[in-house]
Amino acid sequence: MAVPKRKTSPSKRNMRRGHDAIGTTAYIEDKDTGELRRPHHVDLKSGMYRGKQILTPKED
């Protein structure tokens, strides 16, 4: 069984964990409606995606 030869220092351990943090979710302003939406996602308010009508718009 493999056993580490040396103890991993807290500095090295924390450097390895630097990429594990949860990042913030990105939102962009829609060009047509001005609403915030996720990039590469369908705008649920208008039903548009990349200039094409994908879904029927929601009724308020």
PDB file of N, CA and C in Angstrom:
ATOM      1  N   MET A   1       0.848  -1.179   0.000  1.00  0.00           N
ATOM      2  CA  MET A   1       0.000   0.000   0.000  1.00  0.00           C
ATOM      3  C   MET A   1       0.891   1.239   0.000  1.00  0.00           C
ATOM      4  N   ALA A   2       0.512   2.239  -0.792  1.00  0.00           N
ATOM      5  CA  ALA A   2       1.312   3.459  -0.895  1.00  0.00           C
ATOM      6  C   ALA A   2       1.112   4.333   0.333  1.00  0.00           C
ATOM      7  N   VAL A   3       2.224   4.783   0.868  1.00  0.00           N
ATOM      8  CA  VAL A   3       2.200   5.639   2.059  1.00  0.00           C
ATOM      9  C   VAL A   3       3.009   6.890   1.739  1.00  0.00           C
ATOM     10  N   PRO A   4       2.491   8.084   2.061  1.00  0.00           N
ATOM     11  CA  PRO A   4       3.258   9.300   1.791  1.00  0.00           C
ATOM     12  C   PRO A   4       4.570   9.304   2.569  1.00  0.00           C
ATOM     13  N   LYS A   5       5.634   9.725   1.908  1.00  0.00           N
ATOM     14  CA  LYS A   5       6.941   9.774   2.560  1.00  0.00           C
ATOM     15  C   LYS A   5       7.033  10.953   3.513  1.00  0.00           C
ATOM     16  N   ARG A   6       6.408  12.083   3.164  1.00  0.00           N
ATOM     17  CA  ARG A   6       6.454  13.281   3.986  1.00  0.00           C
ATOM     18  C   ARG A   6       5.033  13.806   4.224  1.00  0.00           C
ATOM     19  N   LYS A   7       4.842  14.480   5.335  1.00  0.00           N
ATOM     20  CA  LYS A   7       3.560  15.112   5.631  1.00  0.00           C
ATOM     21  C   LYS A   7       3.367  16.313   4.699  1.00  0.00           C
ATOM     22  N   THR A   8       2.160  16.441   4.156  1.00  0.00           N
ATOM     23  CA  THR A   8       1.847  17.589   3.313  1.00  0.00           C
ATOM     24  C   THR A   8       1.632  18.801   4.197  1.00  0.00           C
ATOM     25  N   SER A   9       2.385  19.864   3.955  1.00  0.00           N
ATOM     26  CA  SER A   9       2.279  21.066   4.784  1.00  0.00           C
ATOM     27  C   SER A   9       0.939  21.759   4.528  1.00  0.00           C
ATOM     28  N   PRO A  10       0.441  22.519   5.497  1.00  0.00           N
ATOM     29  CA  PRO A  10      -0.816  23.246   5.292  1.00  0.00           C
ATOM     30  C   PRO A  10      -0.766  24.186   4.094  1.00  0.00           C
ATOM     31  N   SER A  11       0.398  24.757   3.832  1.00  0.00           N
ATOM     32  CA  SER A  11       0.530  25.657   2.683  1.00  0.00           C
ATOM     33  C   SER A  11       0.313  24.902   1.380  1.00  0.00           C
ATOM     34  N   LYS A  12       0.965  23.771   1.214  1.00  0.00           N
ATOM     35  CA  LYS A  12       0.808  22.970   0.003  1.00  0.00           C
ATOM     36  C   LYS A  12      -0.620  22.438  -0.126  1.00  0.00           C
ATOM     37  N   ARG A  13      -1.199  22.005   0.977  1.00  0.00           N
ATOM     38  CA  ARG A  13      -2.564  21.484   0.962  1.00  0.00           C
ATOM     39  C   ARG A  13      -3.545  22.572   0.526  1.00  0.00           C
ATOM     40  N   ASN A  14      -3.376  23.787   1.061  1.00  0.00           N
ATOM     41  CA  ASN A  14      -4.290  24.867   0.719  1.00  0.00           C
ATOM     42  C   ASN A  14      -4.081  25.370  -0.709  1.00  0.00           C
ATOM     43  N   MET A  15      -2.848  25.295  -1.219  1.00  0.00           N
ATOM     44  CA  MET A  15      -2.610  25.664  -2.606  1.00  0.00           C
ATOM     45  C   MET A  15      -3.324  24.701  -3.547  1.00  0.00           C
ATOM     46  N   ARG A  16      -3.353  23.438  -3.196  1.00  0.00           N
ATOM     47  CA  ARG A  16      -4.037  22.443  -4.012  1.00  0.00           C
ATOM     48  C   ARG A  16      -5.542  22.684  -3.989  1.00  0.00           C
ATOM     49  N   ARG A  17      -6.070  23.148  -2.888  1.00  0.00           N
ATOM     50  CA  ARG A  17      -7.505  23.365  -2.744  1.00  0.00           C
ATOM     51  C   ARG A  17      -7.955  24.729  -3.267  1.00  0.00           C
ATOM     52  N   GLY A  18      -7.055  25.471  -3.877  1.00  0.00           N
ATOM     53  CA  GLY A  18      -7.397  26.813  -4.355  1.00  0.00           C
ATOM     54  C   GLY A  18      -8.465  26.825  -5.423  1.00  0.00           C
ATOM     55  N   HIS A  19      -8.604  25.737  -6.197  1.00  0.00           N
ATOM     56  CA  HIS A  19      -9.576  25.692  -7.275  1.00  0.00           C
ATOM     57  C   HIS A  19     -10.900  25.073  -6.840  1.00  0.00           C
ATOM     58  N   ASP A  20     -11.019  24.660  -5.587  1.00  0.00           N
ATOM     59  CA  ASP A  20     -12.221  23.973  -5.133  1.00  0.00           C
ATOM     60  C   ASP A  20     -13.328  24.915  -4.701  1.00  0.00           C
ATOM     61  N   ALA A  21     -13.056  26.214  -4.596  1.00  0.00           N
ATOM     62  CA  ALA A  21     -14.059  27.166  -4.129  1.00  0.00           C
ATOM     63  C   ALA A  21     -15.177  27.290  -5.160  1.00  0.00           C
ATOM     64  N   ILE A  22     -16.378  27.515  -4.675  1.00  0.00           N
ATOM     65  CA  ILE A  22     -17.526  27.685  -5.556  1.00  0.00           C
ATOM     66  C   ILE A  22     -17.497  29.104  -6.107  1.00  0.00           C
ATOM     67  N   GLY A  23     -17.529  29.211  -7.408  1.00  0.00           N
ATOM     68  CA  GLY A  23     -17.508  30.518  -8.056  1.00  0.00           C
ATOM     69  C   GLY A  23     -18.891  31.140  -8.114  1.00  0.00           C
ATOM     70  N   THR A  24     -18.945  32.417  -8.428  1.00  0.00           N
ATOM     71  CA  THR A  24     -20.231  33.089  -8.544  1.00  0.00           C
ATOM     72  C   THR A  24     -20.856  32.748  -9.889  1.00  0.00           C
ATOM     73  N   THR A  25     -22.168  32.707  -9.937  1.00  0.00           N
ATOM     74  CA  THR A  25     -22.855  32.417 -11.182  1.00  0.00           C
ATOM     75  C   THR A  25     -22.876  33.664 -12.050  1.00  0.00           C
ATOM     76  N   ALA A  26     -22.644  33.486 -13.333  1.00  0.00           N
ATOM     77  CA  ALA A  26     -22.580  34.607 -14.263  1.00  0.00           C
ATOM     78  C   ALA A  26     -23.968  34.905 -14.806  1.00  0.00           C
ATOM     79  N   TYR A  27     -24.303  36.170 -14.886  1.00  0.00           N
ATOM     80  CA  TYR A  27     -25.545  36.629 -15.486  1.00  0.00           C
ATOM     81  C   TYR A  27     -25.210  37.722 -16.481  1.00  0.00           C
ATOM     82  N   ILE A  28     -25.933  37.737 -17.596  1.00  0.00           N
ATOM     83  CA  ILE A  28     -25.750  38.788 -18.586  1.00  0.00           C
ATOM     84  C   ILE A  28     -27.092  39.471 -18.806  1.00  0.00           C
ATOM     85  N   GLU A  29     -27.036  40.698 -19.282  1.00  0.00           N
ATOM     86  CA  GLU A  29     -28.263  41.428 -19.585  1.00  0.00           C
ATOM     87  C   GLU A  29     -28.710  41.067 -20.991  1.00  0.00           C
ATOM     88  N   ASP A  30     -29.972  40.660 -21.135  1.00  0.00           N
ATOM     89  CA  ASP A  30     -30.501  40.292 -22.435  1.00  0.00           C
ATOM     90  C   ASP A  30     -30.592  41.523 -23.320  1.00  0.00           C
ATOM     91  N   LYS A  31     -30.206  41.392 -24.596  1.00  0.00           N
ATOM     92  CA  LYS A  31     -30.194  42.538 -25.497  1.00  0.00           C
ATOM     93  C   LYS A  31     -31.600  43.053 -25.795  1.00  0.00           C
ATOM     94  N   ASP A  32     -32.567  42.140 -25.931  1.00  0.00           N
ATOM     95  CA  ASP A  32     -33.915  42.542 -26.324  1.00  0.00           C
ATOM     96  C   ASP A  32     -34.755  43.012 -25.145  1.00  0.00           C
ATOM     97  N   THR A  33     -34.798  42.205 -24.075  1.00  0.00           N
ATOM     98  CA  THR A  33     -35.693  42.518 -22.961  1.00  0.00           C
ATOM     99  C   THR A  33     -35.020  43.304 -21.850  1.00  0.00           C
ATOM    100  N   GLY A  34     -33.700  43.242 -21.750  1.00  0.00           N
ATOM    101  CA  GLY A  34     -33.019  43.937 -20.660  1.00  0.00           C
ATOM    102  C   GLY A  34     -33.015  43.149 -19.363  1.00  0.00           C
ATOM    103  N   GLU A  35     -33.576  41.945 -19.374  1.00  0.00           N
ATOM    104  CA  GLU A  35     -33.622  41.097 -18.186  1.00  0.00           C
ATOM    105  C   GLU A  35     -32.284  40.392 -18.001  1.00  0.00           C
ATOM    106  N   LEU A  36     -31.971  40.036 -16.756  1.00  0.00           N
ATOM    107  CA  LEU A  36     -30.777  39.253 -16.490  1.00  0.00           C
ATOM    108  C   LEU A  36     -31.070  37.783 -16.756  1.00  0.00           C
ATOM    109  N   ARG A  37     -30.146  37.110 -17.416  1.00  0.00           N
ATOM    110  CA  ARG A  37     -30.297  35.677 -17.679  1.00  0.00           C
ATOM    111  C   ARG A  37     -28.917  35.039 -17.711  1.00  0.00           C
ATOM    112  N   ARG A  38     -28.897  33.708 -17.572  1.00  0.00           N
ATOM    113  CA  ARG A  38     -27.641  32.971 -17.635  1.00  0.00           C
ATOM    114  C   ARG A  38     -27.176  32.886 -19.077  1.00  0.00           C
ATOM    115  N   PRO A  39     -25.869  32.975 -19.330  1.00  0.00           N
ATOM    116  CA  PRO A  39     -25.393  32.816 -20.702  1.00  0.00           C
ATOM    117  C   PRO A  39     -25.639  31.393 -21.210  1.00  0.00           C
ATOM    118  N   HIS A  40     -25.944  31.255 -22.476  1.00  0.00           N
ATOM    119  CA  HIS A  40     -26.202  29.967 -23.140  1.00  0.00           C
ATOM    120  C   HIS A  40     -27.440  29.278 -22.587  1.00  0.00           C
ATOM    121  N   HIS A  41     -28.404  30.047 -22.055  1.00  0.00           N
ATOM    122  CA  HIS A  41     -29.659  29.498 -21.558  1.00  0.00           C
ATOM    123  C   HIS A  41     -30.822  30.213 -22.254  1.00  0.00           C
ATOM    124  N   VAL A  42     -31.965  29.544 -22.302  1.00  0.00           N
ATOM    125  CA  VAL A  42     -33.159  30.129 -22.891  1.00  0.00           C
ATOM    126  C   VAL A  42     -33.686  31.202 -21.947  1.00  0.00           C
ATOM    127  N   ASP A  43     -34.098  32.348 -22.515  1.00  0.00           N
ATOM    128  CA  ASP A  43     -34.737  33.397 -21.729  1.00  0.00           C
ATOM    129  C   ASP A  43     -36.168  32.953 -21.460  1.00  0.00           C
ATOM    130  N   LEU A  44     -36.497  32.640 -20.209  1.00  0.00           N
ATOM    131  CA  LEU A  44     -37.808  32.088 -19.885  1.00  0.00           C
ATOM    132  C   LEU A  44     -38.919  33.120 -20.023  1.00  0.00           C
ATOM    133  N   LYS A  45     -38.590  34.390 -19.929  1.00  0.00           N
ATOM    134  CA  LYS A  45     -39.617  35.425 -20.034  1.00  0.00           C
ATOM    135  C   LYS A  45     -40.116  35.552 -21.479  1.00  0.00           C
ATOM    136  N   SER A  46     -39.189  35.551 -22.444  1.00  0.00           N
ATOM    137  CA  SER A  46     -39.586  35.709 -23.845  1.00  0.00           C
ATOM    138  C   SER A  46     -39.575  34.390 -24.613  1.00  0.00           C
ATOM    139  N   GLY A  47     -38.846  33.379 -24.130  1.00  0.00           N
ATOM    140  CA  GLY A  47     -38.753  32.100 -24.818  1.00  0.00           C
ATOM    141  C   GLY A  47     -37.768  32.098 -25.969  1.00  0.00           C
ATOM    142  N   MET A  48     -36.926  33.123 -26.048  1.00  0.00           N
ATOM    143  CA  MET A  48     -35.971  33.244 -27.146  1.00  0.00           C
ATOM    144  C   MET A  48     -34.620  32.652 -26.758  1.00  0.00           C
ATOM    145  N   TYR A  49     -33.923  32.089 -27.760  1.00  0.00           N
ATOM    146  CA  TYR A  49     -32.557  31.617 -27.593  1.00  0.00           C
ATOM    147  C   TYR A  49     -31.830  31.861 -28.898  1.00  0.00           C
ATOM    148  N   ARG A  50     -30.787  32.669 -28.856  1.00  0.00           N
ATOM    149  CA  ARG A  50     -29.970  33.013 -30.026  1.00  0.00           C
ATOM    150  C   ARG A  50     -30.821  33.542 -31.173  1.00  0.00           C
ATOM    151  N   GLY A  51     -31.808  34.382 -30.849  1.00  0.00           N
ATOM    152  CA  GLY A  51     -32.629  35.018 -31.868  1.00  0.00           C
ATOM    153  C   GLY A  51     -33.748  34.165 -32.413  1.00  0.00           C
ATOM    154  N   LYS A  52     -33.958  32.965 -31.871  1.00  0.00           N
ATOM    155  CA  LYS A  52     -35.018  32.089 -32.342  1.00  0.00           C
ATOM    156  C   LYS A  52     -36.024  31.844 -31.218  1.00  0.00           C
ATOM    157  N   GLN A  53     -37.295  31.703 -31.581  1.00  0.00           N
ATOM    158  CA  GLN A  53     -38.345  31.431 -30.618  1.00  0.00           C
ATOM    159  C   GLN A  53     -38.323  29.921 -30.302  1.00  0.00           C
ATOM    160  N   ILE A  54     -37.950  29.569 -29.057  1.00  0.00           N
ATOM    161  CA  ILE A  54     -37.842  28.171 -28.656  1.00  0.00           C
ATOM    162  C   ILE A  54     -39.076  27.742 -27.857  1.00  0.00           C
ATOM    163  N   LEU A  55     -39.465  28.567 -26.894  1.00  0.00           N
ATOM    164  CA  LEU A  55     -40.605  28.272 -26.029  1.00  0.00           C
ATOM    165  C   LEU A  55     -41.689  29.321 -26.215  1.00  0.00           C
ATOM    166  N   THR A  56     -42.910  28.971 -25.853  1.00  0.00           N
ATOM    167  CA  THR A  56     -43.956  29.983 -25.836  1.00  0.00           C
ATOM    168  C   THR A  56     -43.753  30.858 -24.607  1.00  0.00           C
ATOM    169  N   PRO A  57     -43.896  32.179 -24.732  1.00  0.00           N
ATOM    170  CA  PRO A  57     -43.661  33.068 -23.586  1.00  0.00           C
ATOM    171  C   PRO A  57     -44.618  32.801 -22.439  1.00  0.00           C
ATOM    172  N   LYS A  58     -44.125  33.039 -21.219  1.00  0.00           N
ATOM    173  CA  LYS A  58     -44.950  32.857 -20.028  1.00  0.00           C
ATOM    174  C   LYS A  58     -46.016  33.946 -19.968  1.00  0.00           C
ATOM    175  N   GLU A  59     -47.185  33.588 -19.486  1.00  0.00           N
ATOM    176  CA  GLU A  59     -48.250  34.560 -19.261  1.00  0.00           C
ATOM    177  C   GLU A  59     -48.176  35.047 -17.823  1.00  0.00           C
ATOM    178  N   ASP A  60     -48.182  36.358 -17.607  1.00  0.00           N
ATOM    179  CA  ASP A  60     -48.111  36.912 -16.238  1.00  0.00           C
ATOM    180  C   ASP A  60     -49.481  37.043 -15.625  1.00  0.00           C
TER     181      ASP A  60
END
